[in-house]
Amino acid sequence: SDELHEELRATCQVMSRSINSQAEFWIKMGRLAELNPDKTFTQL
């Protein structure tokens, strides 16, 4: 969505990542969270 793309754009600037790198990070962390529901973000 355009809304998610704007969130990516804002976040990637803060995190010093490209838009693609930020999206990849979010996808990877979301996948890990789904596979490991008992773990916190820090533990992941």
Full PDB file with SEQRES, HELIX, SHEET, SSBOND, CRYST1, ORIGX, SCALE, CONECT and MASTER records, all heavy atoms in Angstrom:
SEQRES   1 A   44  SER ASP GLU LEU HIS GLU GLU LEU ARG ALA THR CYS GLN          
SEQRES   2 A   44  VAL MET SER ARG SER ILE ASN SER GLN ALA GLU PHE TRP          
SEQRES   3 A   44  ILE LYS MET GLY ARG LEU ALA GLU LEU ASN PRO ASP LYS          
SEQRES   4 A   44  THR PHE THR GLN LEU                                          
HELIX    1 AA1 ASP A    2  MET A   15  1                                  14    
HELIX    2 AA2 ILE A   19  LEU A   35  1                                  17    
CRYST1    1.000    1.000    1.000  90.00  90.00  90.00 P 1           1          
ORIGX1      1.000000  0.000000  0.000000        0.00000                         
ORIGX2      0.000000  1.000000  0.000000        0.00000                         
ORIGX3      0.000000  0.000000  1.000000        0.00000                         
SCALE1      1.000000  0.000000  0.000000        0.00000                         
SCALE2      0.000000  1.000000  0.000000        0.00000                         
SCALE3      0.000000  0.000000  1.000000        0.00000                         
ATOM      1  N   SER A   1       0.832  -1.197   0.000  1.00  0.00           N  
ATOM      2  CA  SER A   1       0.000   0.000   0.000  1.00  0.00           C  
ATOM      3  C   SER A   1       0.872   1.255   0.000  1.00  0.00           C  
ATOM      4  O   SER A   1       2.036   1.228   0.411  1.00  0.00           O  
ATOM      5  CB  SER A   1      -0.910   0.011   1.228  1.00  0.00           C  
ATOM      6  OG  SER A   1      -0.136   0.191   2.403  1.00  0.00           O  
ATOM      7  N   ASP A   2       0.293   2.344  -0.456  1.00  0.00           N  
ATOM      8  CA  ASP A   2       1.005   3.623  -0.432  1.00  0.00           C  
ATOM      9  C   ASP A   2       1.358   4.017   1.000  1.00  0.00           C  
ATOM     10  O   ASP A   2       2.435   4.559   1.256  1.00  0.00           O  
ATOM     11  CB  ASP A   2       0.157   4.721  -1.076  1.00  0.00           C  
ATOM     12  CG  ASP A   2       0.019   4.546  -2.580  1.00  0.00           C  
ATOM     13  OD1 ASP A   2       0.862   3.837  -3.178  1.00  0.00           O  
ATOM     14  OD2 ASP A   2      -0.925   5.119  -3.150  1.00  0.00           O  
ATOM     15  N   GLU A   3       0.460   3.725   1.930  1.00  0.00           N  
ATOM     16  CA  GLU A   3       0.701   4.054   3.339  1.00  0.00           C  
ATOM     17  C   GLU A   3       1.922   3.312   3.880  1.00  0.00           C  
ATOM     18  O   GLU A   3       2.791   3.901   4.530  1.00  0.00           O  
ATOM     19  CB  GLU A   3      -0.534   3.706   4.174  1.00  0.00           C  
ATOM     20  CG  GLU A   3      -0.386   4.030   5.642  1.00  0.00           C  
ATOM     21  CD  GLU A   3      -1.620   3.657   6.446  1.00  0.00           C  
ATOM     22  OE1 GLU A   3      -2.746   3.812   5.931  1.00  0.00           O  
ATOM     23  OE2 GLU A   3      -1.441   3.211   7.584  1.00  0.00           O  
ATOM     24  N   LEU A   4       2.004   2.011   3.606  1.00  0.00           N  
ATOM     25  CA  LEU A   4       3.152   1.232   4.066  1.00  0.00           C  
ATOM     26  C   LEU A   4       4.435   1.701   3.393  1.00  0.00           C  
ATOM     27  O   LEU A   4       5.495   1.772   4.016  1.00  0.00           O  
ATOM     28  CB  LEU A   4       2.932  -0.260   3.824  1.00  0.00           C  
ATOM     29  CG  LEU A   4       4.017  -1.200   4.348  1.00  0.00           C  
ATOM     30  CD1 LEU A   4       4.283  -0.991   5.838  1.00  0.00           C  
ATOM     31  CD2 LEU A   4       3.638  -2.642   4.077  1.00  0.00           C  
ATOM     32  N   HIS A   5       4.347   2.075   2.128  1.00  0.00           N  
ATOM     33  CA  HIS A   5       5.520   2.576   1.417  1.00  0.00           C  
ATOM     34  C   HIS A   5       6.027   3.866   2.068  1.00  0.00           C  
ATOM     35  O   HIS A   5       7.240   4.053   2.219  1.00  0.00           O  
ATOM     36  CB  HIS A   5       5.185   2.821  -0.066  1.00  0.00           C  
ATOM     37  CG  HIS A   5       6.385   3.131  -0.877  1.00  0.00           C  
ATOM     38  ND1 HIS A   5       6.828   4.405  -1.109  1.00  0.00           N  
ATOM     39  CD2 HIS A   5       7.277   2.306  -1.494  1.00  0.00           C  
ATOM     40  CE1 HIS A   5       7.923   4.371  -1.845  1.00  0.00           C  
ATOM     41  NE2 HIS A   5       8.214   3.109  -2.094  1.00  0.00           N  
ATOM     42  N   GLU A   6       5.129   4.735   2.474  1.00  0.00           N  
ATOM     43  CA  GLU A   6       5.538   5.969   3.150  1.00  0.00           C  
ATOM     44  C   GLU A   6       6.165   5.669   4.502  1.00  0.00           C  
ATOM     45  O   GLU A   6       7.127   6.319   4.903  1.00  0.00           O  
ATOM     46  CB  GLU A   6       4.353   6.931   3.282  1.00  0.00           C  
ATOM     47  CG  GLU A   6       3.958   7.579   1.970  1.00  0.00           C  
ATOM     48  CD  GLU A   6       5.123   8.277   1.268  1.00  0.00           C  
ATOM     49  OE1 GLU A   6       5.890   9.013   1.921  1.00  0.00           O  
ATOM     50  OE2 GLU A   6       5.287   8.059   0.053  1.00  0.00           O  
ATOM     51  N   GLU A   7       5.623   4.675   5.231  1.00  0.00           N  
ATOM     52  CA  GLU A   7       6.229   4.268   6.500  1.00  0.00           C  
ATOM     53  C   GLU A   7       7.634   3.719   6.259  1.00  0.00           C  
ATOM     54  O   GLU A   7       8.562   4.006   7.022  1.00  0.00           O  
ATOM     55  CB  GLU A   7       5.366   3.213   7.192  1.00  0.00           C  
ATOM     56  CG  GLU A   7       4.075   3.765   7.771  1.00  0.00           C  
ATOM     57  CD  GLU A   7       3.265   2.681   8.455  1.00  0.00           C  
ATOM     58  OE1 GLU A   7       3.861   1.817   9.148  1.00  0.00           O  
ATOM     59  OE2 GLU A   7       2.033   2.697   8.303  1.00  0.00           O  
ATOM     60  N   LEU A   8       7.793   2.937   5.203  1.00  0.00           N  
ATOM     61  CA  LEU A   8       9.119   2.425   4.847  1.00  0.00           C  
ATOM     62  C   LEU A   8      10.081   3.560   4.542  1.00  0.00           C  
ATOM     63  O   LEU A   8      11.225   3.565   5.002  1.00  0.00           O  
ATOM     64  CB  LEU A   8       9.028   1.520   3.618  1.00  0.00           C  
ATOM     65  CG  LEU A   8       8.762   0.060   3.845  1.00  0.00           C  
ATOM     66  CD1 LEU A   8       8.425  -0.629   2.535  1.00  0.00           C  
ATOM     67  CD2 LEU A   8       9.940  -0.603   4.505  1.00  0.00           C  
ATOM     68  N   ARG A   9       9.615   4.511   3.746  1.00  0.00           N  
ATOM     69  CA  ARG A   9      10.460   5.646   3.360  1.00  0.00           C  
ATOM     70  C   ARG A   9      10.942   6.414   4.601  1.00  0.00           C  
ATOM     71  O   ARG A   9      12.126   6.730   4.730  1.00  0.00           O  
ATOM     72  CB  ARG A   9       9.698   6.576   2.422  1.00  0.00           C  
ATOM     73  CG  ARG A   9      10.543   7.712   1.874  1.00  0.00           C  
ATOM     74  CD  ARG A   9       9.759   8.591   0.916  1.00  0.00           C  
ATOM     75  NE  ARG A   9       9.224   7.865  -0.222  1.00  0.00           N  
ATOM     76  CZ  ARG A   9       9.928   7.494  -1.298  1.00  0.00           C  
ATOM     77  NH1 ARG A   9      11.206   7.790  -1.375  1.00  0.00           N  
ATOM     78  NH2 ARG A   9       9.358   6.852  -2.292  1.00  0.00           N  
ATOM     79  N   ALA A  10      10.039   6.691   5.527  1.00  0.00           N  
ATOM     80  CA  ALA A  10      10.403   7.430   6.739  1.00  0.00           C  
ATOM     81  C   ALA A  10      11.354   6.614   7.618  1.00  0.00           C  
ATOM     82  O   ALA A  10      12.362   7.125   8.108  1.00  0.00           O  
ATOM     83  CB  ALA A  10       9.142   7.807   7.525  1.00  0.00           C  
ATOM     84  N   THR A  11      11.034   5.339   7.792  1.00  0.00           N  
ATOM     85  CA  THR A  11      11.848   4.491   8.666  1.00  0.00           C  
ATOM     86  C   THR A  11      13.231   4.248   8.089  1.00  0.00           C  
ATOM     87  O   THR A  11      14.223   4.241   8.825  1.00  0.00           O  
ATOM     88  CB  THR A  11      11.136   3.150   8.918  1.00  0.00           C  
ATOM     89  OG1 THR A  11       9.842   3.409   9.462  1.00  0.00           O  
ATOM     90  CG2 THR A  11      11.918   2.283   9.887  1.00  0.00           C  
ATOM     91  N   CYS A  12      13.327   4.057   6.791  1.00  0.00           N  
ATOM     92  CA  CYS A  12      14.640   3.769   6.204  1.00  0.00           C  
ATOM     93  C   CYS A  12      15.588   4.949   6.376  1.00  0.00           C  
ATOM     94  O   CYS A  12      16.786   4.761   6.540  1.00  0.00           O  
ATOM     95  CB  CYS A  12      14.523   3.356   4.749  1.00  0.00           C  
ATOM     96  SG  CYS A  12      14.220   4.678   3.566  1.00  0.00           S  
ATOM     97  N   GLN A  13      15.063   6.163   6.370  1.00  0.00           N  
ATOM     98  CA  GLN A  13      15.915   7.335   6.583  1.00  0.00           C  
ATOM     99  C   GLN A  13      16.436   7.370   8.013  1.00  0.00           C  
ATOM    100  O   GLN A  13      17.614   7.649   8.250  1.00  0.00           O  
ATOM    101  CB  GLN A  13      15.155   8.609   6.246  1.00  0.00           C  
ATOM    102  CG  GLN A  13      14.877   8.734   4.767  1.00  0.00           C  
ATOM    103  CD  GLN A  13      14.019   9.935   4.427  1.00  0.00           C  
ATOM    104  OE1 GLN A  13      13.595  10.687   5.298  1.00  0.00           O  
ATOM    105  NE2 GLN A  13      13.766  10.121   3.141  1.00  0.00           N  
ATOM    106  N   VAL A  14      15.580   7.047   8.967  1.00  0.00           N  
ATOM    107  CA  VAL A  14      15.988   7.040  10.371  1.00  0.00           C  
ATOM    108  C   VAL A  14      16.999   5.927  10.638  1.00  0.00           C  
ATOM    109  O   VAL A  14      17.968   6.116  11.370  1.00  0.00           O  
ATOM    110  CB  VAL A  14      14.753   6.874  11.294  1.00  0.00           C  
ATOM    111  CG1 VAL A  14      15.160   6.662  12.734  1.00  0.00           C  
ATOM    112  CG2 VAL A  14      13.833   8.081  11.169  1.00  0.00           C  
ATOM    113  N   MET A  15      16.776   4.767  10.017  1.00  0.00           N  
ATOM    114  CA  MET A  15      17.627   3.604  10.268  1.00  0.00           C  
ATOM    115  C   MET A  15      18.835   3.522   9.326  1.00  0.00           C  
ATOM    116  O   MET A  15      19.603   2.570   9.395  1.00  0.00           O  
ATOM    117  CB  MET A  15      16.789   2.317  10.148  1.00  0.00           C  
ATOM    118  CG  MET A  15      15.617   2.261  11.114  1.00  0.00           C  
ATOM    119  SD  MET A  15      16.087   2.418  12.850  1.00  0.00           S  
ATOM    120  CE  MET A  15      16.948   0.888  13.085  1.00  0.00           C  
ATOM    121  N   SER A  16      18.987   4.505   8.444  1.00  0.00           N  
ATOM    122  CA  SER A  16      20.099   4.530   7.481  1.00  0.00           C  
ATOM    123  C   SER A  16      20.143   3.276   6.610  1.00  0.00           C  
ATOM    124  O   SER A  16      21.195   2.677   6.396  1.00  0.00           O  
ATOM    125  CB  SER A  16      21.434   4.711   8.206  1.00  0.00           C  
ATOM    126  OG  SER A  16      21.464   5.930   8.888  1.00  0.00           O  
ATOM    127  N   ARG A  17      18.970   2.887   6.123  1.00  0.00           N  
ATOM    128  CA  ARG A  17      18.864   1.748   5.219  1.00  0.00           C  
ATOM    129  C   ARG A  17      18.174   2.219   3.947  1.00  0.00           C  
ATOM    130  O   ARG A  17      17.456   3.208   3.955  1.00  0.00           O  
ATOM    131  CB  ARG A  17      18.004   0.634   5.825  1.00  0.00           C  
ATOM    132  CG  ARG A  17      18.560  -0.018   7.061  1.00  0.00           C  
ATOM    133  CD  ARG A  17      17.624  -1.131   7.540  1.00  0.00           C  
ATOM    134  NE  ARG A  17      18.190  -1.821   8.672  1.00  0.00           N  
ATOM    135  CZ  ARG A  17      17.591  -1.962   9.838  1.00  0.00           C  
ATOM    136  NH1 ARG A  17      16.387  -1.480  10.033  1.00  0.00           N  
ATOM    137  NH2 ARG A  17      18.182  -2.613  10.814  1.00  0.00           N  
ATOM    138  N   SER A  18      18.361   1.474   2.880  1.00  0.00           N  
ATOM    139  CA  SER A  18      17.581   1.739   1.674  1.00  0.00           C  
ATOM    140  C   SER A  18      16.150   1.264   1.924  1.00  0.00           C  
ATOM    141  O   SER A  18      15.883   0.502   2.871  1.00  0.00           O  
ATOM    142  CB  SER A  18      18.171   0.990   0.482  1.00  0.00           C  
ATOM    143  OG  SER A  18      17.981  -0.406   0.638  1.00  0.00           O  
ATOM    144  N   ILE A  19      15.229   1.708   1.073  1.00  0.00           N  
ATOM    145  CA  ILE A  19      13.844   1.253   1.212  1.00  0.00           C  
ATOM    146  C   ILE A  19      13.783  -0.271   1.099  1.00  0.00           C  
ATOM    147  O   ILE A  19      13.113  -0.935   1.896  1.00  0.00           O  
ATOM    148  CB  ILE A  19      12.935   1.929   0.170  1.00  0.00           C  
ATOM    149  CG1 ILE A  19      12.772   3.413   0.499  1.00  0.00           C  
ATOM    150  CG2 ILE A  19      11.573   1.250   0.097  1.00  0.00           C  
ATOM    151  CD1 ILE A  19      11.977   4.193  -0.525  1.00  0.00           C  
ATOM    152  N   ASN A  20      14.488  -0.832   0.125  1.00  0.00           N  
ATOM    153  CA  ASN A  20      14.479  -2.285  -0.043  1.00  0.00           C  
ATOM    154  C   ASN A  20      15.069  -3.003   1.166  1.00  0.00           C  
ATOM    155  O   ASN A  20      14.549  -4.036   1.594  1.00  0.00           O  
ATOM    156  CB  ASN A  20      15.228  -2.694  -1.308  1.00  0.00           C  
ATOM    157  CG  ASN A  20      14.468  -2.363  -2.558  1.00  0.00           C  
ATOM    158  OD1 ASN A  20      13.258  -2.126  -2.527  1.00  0.00           O  
ATOM    159  ND2 ASN A  20      15.159  -2.338  -3.682  1.00  0.00           N  
ATOM    160  N   SER A  21      16.152  -2.472   1.720  1.00  0.00           N  
ATOM    161  CA  SER A  21      16.770  -3.095   2.901  1.00  0.00           C  
ATOM    162  C   SER A  21      15.841  -3.040   4.105  1.00  0.00           C  
ATOM    163  O   SER A  21      15.758  -3.999   4.879  1.00  0.00           O  
ATOM    164  CB  SER A  21      18.097  -2.426   3.241  1.00  0.00           C  
ATOM    165  OG  SER A  21      19.043  -2.684   2.248  1.00  0.00           O  
ATOM    166  N   GLN A  22      15.143  -1.918   4.267  1.00  0.00           N  
ATOM    167  CA  GLN A  22      14.207  -1.799   5.388  1.00  0.00           C  
ATOM    168  C   GLN A  22      13.055  -2.778   5.222  1.00  0.00           C  
ATOM    169  O   GLN A  22      12.659  -3.454   6.176  1.00  0.00           O  
ATOM    170  CB  GLN A  22      13.674  -0.376   5.512  1.00  0.00           C  
ATOM    171  CG  GLN A  22      12.796  -0.153   6.734  1.00  0.00           C  
ATOM    172  CD  GLN A  22      13.550  -0.348   8.031  1.00  0.00           C  
ATOM    173  OE1 GLN A  22      14.665   0.154   8.187  1.00  0.00           O  
ATOM    174  NE2 GLN A  22      12.971  -1.074   8.959  1.00  0.00           N  
ATOM    175  N   ALA A  23      12.514  -2.876   4.009  1.00  0.00           N  
ATOM    176  CA  ALA A  23      11.420  -3.825   3.760  1.00  0.00           C  
ATOM    177  C   ALA A  23      11.890  -5.253   4.016  1.00  0.00           C  
ATOM    178  O   ALA A  23      11.180  -6.048   4.641  1.00  0.00           O  
ATOM    179  CB  ALA A  23      10.910  -3.666   2.333  1.00  0.00           C  
ATOM    180  N   GLU A  24      13.087  -5.580   3.556  1.00  0.00           N  
ATOM    181  CA  GLU A  24      13.631  -6.921   3.777  1.00  0.00           C  
ATOM    182  C   GLU A  24      13.790  -7.210   5.263  1.00  0.00           C  
ATOM    183  O   GLU A  24      13.469  -8.308   5.731  1.00  0.00           O  
ATOM    184  CB  GLU A  24      14.978  -7.062   3.066  1.00  0.00           C  
ATOM    185  CG  GLU A  24      15.553  -8.452   3.123  1.00  0.00           C  
ATOM    186  CD  GLU A  24      16.835  -8.587   2.324  1.00  0.00           C  
ATOM    187  OE1 GLU A  24      16.998  -7.880   1.321  1.00  0.00           O  
ATOM    188  OE2 GLU A  24      17.674  -9.411   2.728  1.00  0.00           O  
ATOM    189  N   PHE A  25      14.253  -6.224   6.021  1.00  0.00           N  
ATOM    190  CA  PHE A  25      14.410  -6.396   7.467  1.00  0.00           C  
ATOM    191  C   PHE A  25      13.064  -6.667   8.114  1.00  0.00           C  
ATOM    192  O   PHE A  25      12.920  -7.595   8.918  1.00  0.00           O  
ATOM    193  CB  PHE A  25      15.072  -5.157   8.079  1.00  0.00           C  
ATOM    194  CG  PHE A  25      15.205  -5.227   9.572  1.00  0.00           C  
ATOM    195  CD1 PHE A  25      16.164  -6.030  10.165  1.00  0.00           C  
ATOM    196  CD2 PHE A  25      14.364  -4.489  10.393  1.00  0.00           C  
ATOM    197  CE1 PHE A  25      16.291  -6.106  11.552  1.00  0.00           C  
ATOM    198  CE2 PHE A  25      14.481  -4.548  11.763  1.00  0.00           C  
ATOM    199  CZ  PHE A  25      15.439  -5.361  12.342  1.00  0.00           C  
ATOM    200  N   TRP A  26      12.061  -5.855   7.778  1.00  0.00           N  
ATOM    201  CA  TRP A  26      10.723  -6.059   8.351  1.00  0.00           C  
ATOM    202  C   TRP A  26      10.159  -7.427   7.978  1.00  0.00           C  
ATOM    203  O   TRP A  26       9.567  -8.104   8.810  1.00  0.00           O  
ATOM    204  CB  TRP A  26       9.773  -4.965   7.894  1.00  0.00           C  
ATOM    205  CG  TRP A  26       9.916  -3.669   8.634  1.00  0.00           C  
ATOM    206  CD1 TRP A  26      10.714  -3.410   9.718  1.00  0.00           C  
ATOM    207  CD2 TRP A  26       9.254  -2.446   8.343  1.00  0.00           C  
ATOM    208  NE1 TRP A  26      10.579  -2.103  10.110  1.00  0.00           N  
ATOM    209  CE2 TRP A  26       9.684  -1.489   9.283  1.00  0.00           C  
ATOM    210  CE3 TRP A  26       8.333  -2.072   7.366  1.00  0.00           C  
ATOM    211  CZ2 TRP A  26       9.218  -0.183   9.287  1.00  0.00           C  
ATOM    212  CZ3 TRP A  26       7.871  -0.764   7.371  1.00  0.00           C  
ATOM    213  CH2 TRP A  26       8.310   0.165   8.324  1.00  0.00           C  
ATOM    214  N   ILE A  27      10.343  -7.844   6.744  1.00  0.00           N  
ATOM    215  CA  ILE A  27       9.840  -9.147   6.305  1.00  0.00           C  
ATOM    216  C   ILE A  27      10.545 -10.262   7.074  1.00  0.00           C  
ATOM    217  O   ILE A  27       9.909 -11.199   7.569  1.00  0.00           O  
ATOM    218  CB  ILE A  27      10.018  -9.320   4.783  1.00  0.00           C  
ATOM    219  CG1 ILE A  27       9.059  -8.387   4.034  1.00  0.00           C  
ATOM    220  CG2 ILE A  27       9.820 -10.770   4.367  1.00  0.00           C  
ATOM    221  CD1 ILE A  27       9.372  -8.245   2.547  1.00  0.00           C  
ATOM    222  N   LYS A  28      11.867 -10.155   7.179  1.00  0.00           N  
ATOM    223  CA  LYS A  28      12.630 -11.182   7.880  1.00  0.00           C  
ATOM    224  C   LYS A  28      12.230 -11.266   9.348  1.00  0.00           C  
ATOM    225  O   LYS A  28      12.010 -12.357   9.881  1.00  0.00           O  
ATOM    226  CB  LYS A  28      14.133 -10.891   7.765  1.00  0.00           C  
ATOM    227  CG  LYS A  28      15.002 -11.933   8.417  1.00  0.00           C  
ATOM    228  CD  LYS A  28      16.475 -11.634   8.191  1.00  0.00           C  
ATOM    229  CE  LYS A  28      17.331 -12.753   8.725  1.00  0.00           C  
ATOM    230  NZ  LYS A  28      18.746 -12.542   8.428  1.00  0.00           N  
ATOM    231  N   MET A  29      12.116 -10.124  10.007  1.00  0.00           N  
ATOM    232  CA  MET A  29      11.765 -10.126  11.425  1.00  0.00           C  
ATOM    233  C   MET A  29      10.335 -10.623  11.639  1.00  0.00           C  
ATOM    234  O   MET A  29      10.055 -11.339  12.601  1.00  0.00           O  
ATOM    235  CB  MET A  29      11.964  -8.739  12.036  1.00  0.00           C  
ATOM    236  CG  MET A  29      13.418  -8.283  12.078  1.00  0.00           C  
ATOM    237  SD  MET A  29      14.587  -9.505  12.769  1.00  0.00           S  
ATOM    238  CE  MET A  29      13.977  -9.670  14.428  1.00  0.00           C  
ATOM    239  N   GLY A  30       9.436 -10.260  10.742  1.00  0.00           N  
ATOM    240  CA  GLY A  30       8.064 -10.755  10.843  1.00  0.00           C  
ATOM    241  C   GLY A  30       8.000 -12.261  10.693  1.00  0.00           C  
ATOM    242  O   GLY A  30       7.278 -12.948  11.429  1.00  0.00           O  
ATOM    243  N   ARG A  31       8.770 -12.779   9.756  1.00  0.00           N  
ATOM    244  CA  ARG A  31       8.824 -14.229   9.548  1.00  0.00           C  
ATOM    245  C   ARG A  31       9.398 -14.921  10.778  1.00  0.00           C  
ATOM    246  O   ARG A  31       8.855 -15.927  11.254  1.00  0.00           O  
ATOM    247  CB  ARG A  31       9.680 -14.552   8.326  1.00  0.00           C  
ATOM    248  CG  ARG A  31       9.750 -16.017   8.005  1.00  0.00           C  
ATOM    249  CD  ARG A  31      10.527 -16.239   6.685  1.00  0.00           C  
ATOM    250  NE  ARG A  31      10.654 -17.639   6.407  1.00  0.00           N  
ATOM    251  CZ  ARG A  31      11.625 -18.421   6.872  1.00  0.00           C  
ATOM    252  NH1 ARG A  31      12.578 -17.904   7.636  1.00  0.00           N  
ATOM    253  NH2 ARG A  31      11.667 -19.700   6.581  1.00  0.00           N  
ATOM    254  N   LEU A  32      10.484 -14.384  11.309  1.00  0.00           N  
ATOM    255  CA  LEU A  32      11.078 -14.972  12.520  1.00  0.00           C  
ATOM    256  C   LEU A  32      10.117 -14.908  13.698  1.00  0.00           C  
ATOM    257  O   LEU A  32      10.033 -15.852  14.486  1.00  0.00           O  
ATOM    258  CB  LEU A  32      12.388 -14.256  12.865  1.00  0.00           C  
ATOM    259  CG  LEU A  32      13.573 -14.547  11.947  1.00  0.00           C  
ATOM    260  CD1 LEU A  32      14.744 -13.623  12.280  1.00  0.00           C  
ATOM    261  CD2 LEU A  32      13.986 -16.009  12.051  1.00  0.00           C  
ATOM    262  N   ALA A  33       9.371 -13.813  13.809  1.00  0.00           N  
ATOM    263  CA  ALA A  33       8.405 -13.678  14.902  1.00  0.00           C  
ATOM    264  C   ALA A  33       7.290 -14.718  14.774  1.00  0.00           C  
ATOM    265  O   ALA A  33       6.856 -15.305  15.775  1.00  0.00           O  
ATOM    266  CB  ALA A  33       7.824 -12.269  14.918  1.00  0.00           C  
ATOM    267  N   GLU A  34       6.834 -14.958  13.553  1.00  0.00           N  
ATOM    268  CA  GLU A  34       5.796 -15.967  13.350  1.00  0.00           C  
ATOM    269  C   GLU A  34       6.312 -17.370  13.645  1.00  0.00           C  
ATOM    270  O   GLU A  34       5.586 -18.205  14.180  1.00  0.00           O  
ATOM    271  CB  GLU A  34       5.258 -15.913  11.921  1.00  0.00           C  
ATOM    272  CG  GLU A  34       4.335 -14.748  11.677  1.00  0.00           C  
ATOM    273  CD  GLU A  34       3.690 -14.784  10.307  1.00  0.00           C  
ATOM    274  OE1 GLU A  34       4.119 -15.592   9.431  1.00  0.00           O  
ATOM    275  OE2 GLU A  34       2.753 -13.989  10.098  1.00  0.00           O  
ATOM    276  N   LEU A  35       7.566 -17.637  13.305  1.00  0.00           N  
ATOM    277  CA  LEU A  35       8.144 -18.950  13.548  1.00  0.00           C  
ATOM    278  C   LEU A  35       8.544 -19.172  15.008  1.00  0.00           C  
ATOM    279  O   LEU A  35       8.706 -20.308  15.442  1.00  0.00           O  
ATOM    280  CB  LEU A  35       9.378 -19.160  12.654  1.00  0.00           C  
ATOM    281  CG  LEU A  35       9.098 -19.252  11.152  1.00  0.00           C  
ATOM    282  CD1 LEU A  35      10.408 -19.263  10.373  1.00  0.00           C  
ATOM    283  CD2 LEU A  35       8.263 -20.489  10.836  1.00  0.00           C  
ATOM    284  N   ASN A  36       8.720 -18.073  15.745  1.00  0.00           N  
ATOM    285  CA  ASN A  36       9.177 -18.138  17.146  1.00  0.00           C  
ATOM    286  C   ASN A  36       8.299 -17.239  18.023  1.00  0.00           C  
ATOM    287  O   ASN A  36       8.790 -16.254  18.585  1.00  0.00           O  
ATOM    288  CB  ASN A  36      10.634 -17.681  17.242  1.00  0.00           C  
ATOM    289  CG  ASN A  36      11.561 -18.521  16.400  1.00  0.00           C  
ATOM    290  OD1 ASN A  36      11.931 -19.620  16.785  1.00  0.00           O  
ATOM    291  ND2 ASN A  36      11.923 -18.014  15.237  1.00  0.00           N  
ATOM    292  N   PRO A  37       7.025 -17.559  18.165  1.00  0.00           N  
ATOM    293  CA  PRO A  37       6.121 -16.665  18.894  1.00  0.00           C  
ATOM    294  C   PRO A  37       6.460 -16.486  20.374  1.00  0.00           C  
ATOM    295  O   PRO A  37       6.000 -15.535  21.004  1.00  0.00           O  
ATOM    296  CB  PRO A  37       4.749 -17.324  18.720  1.00  0.00           C  
ATOM    297  CG  PRO A  37       5.037 -18.758  18.424  1.00  0.00           C  
ATOM    298  CD  PRO A  37       6.354 -18.759  17.704  1.00  0.00           C  
ATOM    299  N   ASP A  38       7.289 -17.366  20.916  1.00  0.00           N  
ATOM    300  CA  ASP A  38       7.674 -17.273  22.320  1.00  0.00           C  
ATOM    301  C   ASP A  38       8.849 -16.335  22.559  1.00  0.00           C  
ATOM    302  O   ASP A  38       9.187 -16.037  23.695  1.00  0.00           O  
ATOM    303  CB  ASP A  38       8.023 -18.663  22.857  1.00  0.00           C  
ATOM    304  CG  ASP A  38       9.153 -19.318  22.073  1.00  0.00           C  
ATOM    305  OD1 ASP A  38       9.177 -19.161  20.825  1.00  0.00           O  
ATOM    306  OD2 ASP A  38       9.999 -19.986  22.686  1.00  0.00           O  
ATOM    307  N   LYS A  39       9.480 -15.840  21.502  1.00  0.00           N  
ATOM    308  CA  LYS A  39      10.663 -14.989  21.648  1.00  0.00           C  
ATOM    309  C   LYS A  39      10.314 -13.509  21.458  1.00  0.00           C  
ATOM    310  O   LYS A  39       9.451 -13.153  20.670  1.00  0.00           O  
ATOM    311  CB  LYS A  39      11.726 -15.384  20.626  1.00  0.00           C  
ATOM    312  CG  LYS A  39      12.295 -16.772  20.847  1.00  0.00           C  
ATOM    313  CD  LYS A  39      13.558 -16.948  20.072  1.00  0.00           C  
ATOM    314  CE  LYS A  39      14.219 -18.267  20.174  1.00  0.00           C  
ATOM    315  NZ  LYS A  39      14.052 -19.063  21.324  1.00  0.00           N  
ATOM    316  N   THR A  40      11.047 -12.667  22.187  1.00  0.00           N  
ATOM    317  CA  THR A  40      10.889 -11.223  22.042  1.00  0.00           C  
ATOM    318  C   THR A  40      11.718 -10.747  20.845  1.00  0.00           C  
ATOM    319  O   THR A  40      12.570 -11.487  20.327  1.00  0.00           O  
ATOM    320  CB  THR A  40      11.387 -10.480  23.293  1.00  0.00           C  
ATOM    321  OG1 THR A  40      12.805 -10.699  23.423  1.00  0.00           O  
ATOM    322  CG2 THR A  40      10.673 -10.941  24.556  1.00  0.00           C  
ATOM    323  N   PHE A  41      11.494  -9.513  20.444  1.00  0.00           N  
ATOM    324  CA  PHE A  41      12.287  -8.918  19.362  1.00  0.00           C  
ATOM    325  C   PHE A  41      13.769  -8.977  19.709  1.00  0.00           C  
ATOM    326  O   PHE A  41      14.598  -9.359  18.880  1.00  0.00           O  
ATOM    327  CB  PHE A  41      11.835  -7.470  19.132  1.00  0.00           C  
ATOM    328  CG  PHE A  41      12.649  -6.747  18.104  1.00  0.00           C  
ATOM    329  CD1 PHE A  41      12.434  -6.969  16.749  1.00  0.00           C  
ATOM    330  CD2 PHE A  41      13.628  -5.843  18.483  1.00  0.00           C  
ATOM    331  CE1 PHE A  41      13.192  -6.298  15.784  1.00  0.00           C  
ATOM    332  CE2 PHE A  41      14.380  -5.163  17.531  1.00  0.00           C  
ATOM    333  CZ  PHE A  41      14.161  -5.402  16.192  1.00  0.00           C  
ATOM    334  N   THR A  42      14.114  -8.616  20.935  1.00  0.00           N  
ATOM    335  CA  THR A  42      15.517  -8.635  21.368  1.00  0.00           C  
ATOM    336  C   THR A  42      16.100 -10.040  21.277  1.00  0.00           C  
ATOM    337  O   THR A  42      17.236 -10.219  20.822  1.00  0.00           O  
ATOM    338  CB  THR A  42      15.643  -8.090  22.804  1.00  0.00           C  
ATOM    339  OG1 THR A  42      15.136  -6.759  22.830  1.00  0.00           O  
ATOM    340  CG2 THR A  42      17.085  -8.101  23.283  1.00  0.00           C  
ATOM    341  N   GLN A  43      15.346 -11.047  21.670  1.00  0.00           N  
ATOM    342  CA  GLN A  43      15.830 -12.420  21.583  1.00  0.00           C  
ATOM    343  C   GLN A  43      16.035 -12.847  20.134  1.00  0.00           C  
ATOM    344  O   GLN A  43      16.995 -13.559  19.829  1.00  0.00           O  
ATOM    345  CB  GLN A  43      14.847 -13.369  22.278  1.00  0.00           C  
ATOM    346  CG  GLN A  43      14.833 -13.225  23.781  1.00  0.00           C  
ATOM    347  CD  GLN A  43      13.704 -13.993  24.434  1.00  0.00           C  
ATOM    348  OE1 GLN A  43      12.606 -14.110  23.871  1.00  0.00           O  
ATOM    349  NE2 GLN A  43      13.957 -14.522  25.624  1.00  0.00           N  
ATOM    350  N   LEU A  44      15.147 -12.418  19.256  1.00  0.00           N  
ATOM    351  CA  LEU A  44      15.307 -12.740  17.842  1.00  0.00           C  
ATOM    352  C   LEU A  44      16.579 -12.105  17.274  1.00  0.00           C  
ATOM    353  O   LEU A  44      17.334 -12.753  16.544  1.00  0.00           O  
ATOM    354  CB  LEU A  44      14.091 -12.277  17.042  1.00  0.00           C  
ATOM    355  CG  LEU A  44      12.783 -13.018  17.325  1.00  0.00           C  
ATOM    356  CD1 LEU A  44      11.629 -12.328  16.610  1.00  0.00           C  
ATOM    357  CD2 LEU A  44      12.885 -14.481  16.934  1.00  0.00           C  
TER     358      LEU A  44                                                      
MASTER        0    0    0    2    0    0    0    6  357    1    0    4          
END                                                                             
